[in-house]
N, C-alpha and C. Protein backbone atom coordinates (compact mmCIF):
# COMPACT_ATOMS: atom_id res chain seq x y z
N LEU A 1 -11.88 -1.67 5.17
CA LEU A 1 -12.73 -0.65 5.76
C LEU A 1 -12.10 -0.08 7.03
N GLU A 2 -11.45 -0.93 7.80
CA GLU A 2 -10.81 -0.47 9.04
C GLU A 2 -9.65 0.49 8.73
N VAL A 3 -8.90 0.20 7.69
CA VAL A 3 -7.79 1.08 7.31
C VAL A 3 -8.33 2.46 6.92
N PHE A 4 -9.43 2.47 6.17
CA PHE A 4 -10.05 3.73 5.77
C PHE A 4 -10.45 4.55 6.99
N ARG A 5 -11.01 3.91 7.99
CA ARG A 5 -11.40 4.60 9.22
C ARG A 5 -10.19 5.20 9.93
N GLN A 6 -9.11 4.45 10.00
CA GLN A 6 -7.90 4.93 10.65
C GLN A 6 -7.32 6.13 9.90
N VAL A 7 -7.33 6.06 8.58
CA VAL A 7 -6.83 7.17 7.77
C VAL A 7 -7.71 8.39 8.00
N TRP A 8 -9.02 8.22 7.98
CA TRP A 8 -9.94 9.33 8.18
C TRP A 8 -9.70 9.99 9.53
N ARG A 9 -9.54 9.19 10.58
CA ARG A 9 -9.29 9.76 11.92
C ARG A 9 -7.99 10.56 11.94
N SER A 10 -6.98 10.04 11.30
CA SER A 10 -5.69 10.73 11.27
C SER A 10 -5.79 12.05 10.51
N VAL A 11 -6.45 12.02 9.37
CA VAL A 11 -6.60 13.23 8.56
C VAL A 11 -7.46 14.25 9.29
N GLU A 12 -8.45 13.78 9.99
CA GLU A 12 -9.37 14.65 10.71
C GLU A 12 -8.65 15.51 11.75
N PHE A 13 -7.62 14.97 12.38
CA PHE A 13 -6.89 15.69 13.42
C PHE A 13 -5.65 16.43 12.91
N ALA A 14 -5.32 16.22 11.64
CA ALA A 14 -4.10 16.82 11.08
C ALA A 14 -4.35 18.21 10.51
N ASP A 15 -3.31 19.00 10.47
CA ASP A 15 -3.36 20.31 9.82
C ASP A 15 -2.89 20.19 8.37
N VAL A 16 -1.97 19.26 8.14
CA VAL A 16 -1.41 19.03 6.81
C VAL A 16 -1.39 17.53 6.54
N CYS A 17 -1.72 17.15 5.31
CA CYS A 17 -1.70 15.74 4.91
C CYS A 17 -0.73 15.61 3.73
N VAL A 18 0.39 14.95 3.94
CA VAL A 18 1.38 14.76 2.88
C VAL A 18 1.08 13.43 2.19
N ILE A 19 0.84 13.52 0.89
CA ILE A 19 0.49 12.34 0.09
C ILE A 19 1.67 12.03 -0.82
N LEU A 20 2.28 10.88 -0.64
CA LEU A 20 3.44 10.48 -1.44
C LEU A 20 2.97 9.82 -2.72
N VAL A 21 3.52 10.28 -3.85
CA VAL A 21 3.11 9.77 -5.16
C VAL A 21 4.36 9.35 -5.93
N ASP A 22 4.35 8.13 -6.43
CA ASP A 22 5.44 7.64 -7.27
C ASP A 22 5.31 8.32 -8.63
N VAL A 23 6.30 9.12 -8.99
CA VAL A 23 6.23 9.94 -10.19
C VAL A 23 6.26 9.11 -11.48
N ARG A 24 6.66 7.85 -11.40
CA ARG A 24 6.72 7.03 -12.61
C ARG A 24 5.34 6.74 -13.17
N PHE A 25 4.32 6.68 -12.31
CA PHE A 25 2.95 6.46 -12.77
C PHE A 25 1.98 7.11 -11.78
N PRO A 26 1.92 8.43 -11.79
CA PRO A 26 1.13 9.17 -10.80
C PRO A 26 -0.35 8.81 -10.72
N PRO A 27 -1.06 8.57 -11.84
CA PRO A 27 -2.49 8.27 -11.70
C PRO A 27 -2.77 7.03 -10.85
N LEU A 28 -1.85 6.09 -10.86
CA LEU A 28 -2.02 4.88 -10.07
C LEU A 28 -1.82 5.14 -8.58
N HIS A 29 -0.92 6.05 -8.25
CA HIS A 29 -0.54 6.26 -6.86
C HIS A 29 -1.21 7.45 -6.18
N LEU A 30 -1.80 8.36 -6.95
CA LEU A 30 -2.45 9.52 -6.36
C LEU A 30 -3.89 9.15 -6.01
N ASN A 31 -4.16 9.06 -4.73
CA ASN A 31 -5.48 8.69 -4.25
C ASN A 31 -6.34 9.95 -4.13
N GLU A 32 -7.21 10.16 -5.11
CA GLU A 32 -8.03 11.36 -5.14
C GLU A 32 -8.99 11.42 -3.96
N ARG A 33 -9.44 10.29 -3.49
CA ARG A 33 -10.34 10.26 -2.34
C ARG A 33 -9.63 10.78 -1.09
N LEU A 34 -8.37 10.46 -0.94
CA LEU A 34 -7.59 10.96 0.20
C LEU A 34 -7.45 12.48 0.13
N VAL A 35 -7.23 13.01 -1.07
CA VAL A 35 -7.15 14.45 -1.24
C VAL A 35 -8.49 15.09 -0.87
N GLU A 36 -9.59 14.50 -1.32
CA GLU A 36 -10.92 15.02 -0.98
C GLU A 36 -11.17 14.98 0.52
N MET A 37 -10.78 13.88 1.16
CA MET A 37 -10.95 13.76 2.62
C MET A 37 -10.19 14.86 3.34
N ALA A 38 -8.98 15.12 2.89
CA ALA A 38 -8.17 16.15 3.53
C ALA A 38 -8.84 17.52 3.40
N ILE A 39 -9.31 17.84 2.22
CA ILE A 39 -9.96 19.13 1.99
C ILE A 39 -11.24 19.24 2.82
N GLU A 40 -12.04 18.18 2.84
CA GLU A 40 -13.30 18.19 3.59
C GLU A 40 -13.07 18.40 5.09
N SER A 41 -11.98 17.88 5.61
CA SER A 41 -11.72 18.00 7.04
C SER A 41 -11.00 19.30 7.40
N GLY A 42 -10.69 20.11 6.40
CA GLY A 42 -10.00 21.37 6.67
C GLY A 42 -8.49 21.22 6.70
N CYS A 43 -8.02 20.08 6.30
CA CYS A 43 -6.59 19.79 6.28
C CYS A 43 -6.02 20.23 4.92
N VAL A 44 -4.77 20.65 4.90
CA VAL A 44 -4.12 21.06 3.65
C VAL A 44 -3.43 19.85 3.03
N PRO A 45 -3.86 19.41 1.84
CA PRO A 45 -3.17 18.28 1.19
C PRO A 45 -1.92 18.76 0.44
N VAL A 46 -0.82 18.06 0.64
CA VAL A 46 0.44 18.36 -0.05
C VAL A 46 0.85 17.09 -0.78
N VAL A 47 1.02 17.19 -2.09
CA VAL A 47 1.44 16.03 -2.88
C VAL A 47 2.95 16.09 -3.04
N ALA A 48 3.63 15.06 -2.57
CA ALA A 48 5.09 14.97 -2.67
C ALA A 48 5.44 13.85 -3.65
N LEU A 49 6.21 14.18 -4.67
CA LEU A 49 6.60 13.19 -5.67
C LEU A 49 7.85 12.45 -5.21
N THR A 50 7.82 11.14 -5.36
CA THR A 50 8.97 10.32 -5.01
C THR A 50 9.57 9.72 -6.28
N LYS A 51 10.79 9.28 -6.17
CA LYS A 51 11.53 8.62 -7.25
C LYS A 51 11.72 9.54 -8.46
N CYS A 52 11.88 10.82 -8.19
CA CYS A 52 12.05 11.81 -9.27
C CYS A 52 13.33 11.58 -10.07
N ASP A 53 14.28 10.91 -9.48
CA ASP A 53 15.53 10.66 -10.19
C ASP A 53 15.38 9.57 -11.25
N LEU A 54 14.24 8.91 -11.31
CA LEU A 54 14.04 7.80 -12.24
C LEU A 54 13.30 8.21 -13.51
N VAL A 55 12.92 9.48 -13.64
CA VAL A 55 12.22 9.94 -14.83
C VAL A 55 12.96 11.13 -15.43
N PRO A 56 12.78 11.36 -16.73
CA PRO A 56 13.43 12.51 -17.36
C PRO A 56 12.92 13.84 -16.78
N ALA A 57 13.77 14.83 -16.77
CA ALA A 57 13.43 16.14 -16.20
C ALA A 57 12.22 16.76 -16.88
N ARG A 58 12.03 16.53 -18.17
CA ARG A 58 10.91 17.13 -18.89
C ARG A 58 9.56 16.62 -18.36
N GLU A 59 9.53 15.39 -17.85
CA GLU A 59 8.29 14.87 -17.27
C GLU A 59 7.97 15.53 -15.93
N LEU A 60 8.99 15.94 -15.23
CA LEU A 60 8.80 16.60 -13.93
C LEU A 60 8.30 18.03 -14.06
N GLU A 61 8.60 18.67 -15.19
CA GLU A 61 8.23 20.06 -15.39
C GLU A 61 6.72 20.26 -15.30
N GLY A 62 5.95 19.28 -15.71
CA GLY A 62 4.50 19.39 -15.67
C GLY A 62 3.93 19.42 -14.27
N TRP A 63 4.71 18.99 -13.30
CA TRP A 63 4.24 18.95 -11.91
C TRP A 63 4.57 20.22 -11.15
N SER A 64 5.41 21.07 -11.72
CA SER A 64 5.81 22.27 -10.96
C SER A 64 4.77 23.36 -10.98
């Protein structure tokens, strides 16, 4: 609960929130609640994919 509060405070004061997502299994790593928090606070959420070199290029095309 304390971590959630700290994240909320940080997002509340930010203009942009960069959310890192492991591209090998995005549903596990993409925290939808964090995206919602960013939008609710007026912050722009940006999803950045990591480990793109570990998956075939055709899988990355769906994210563009």
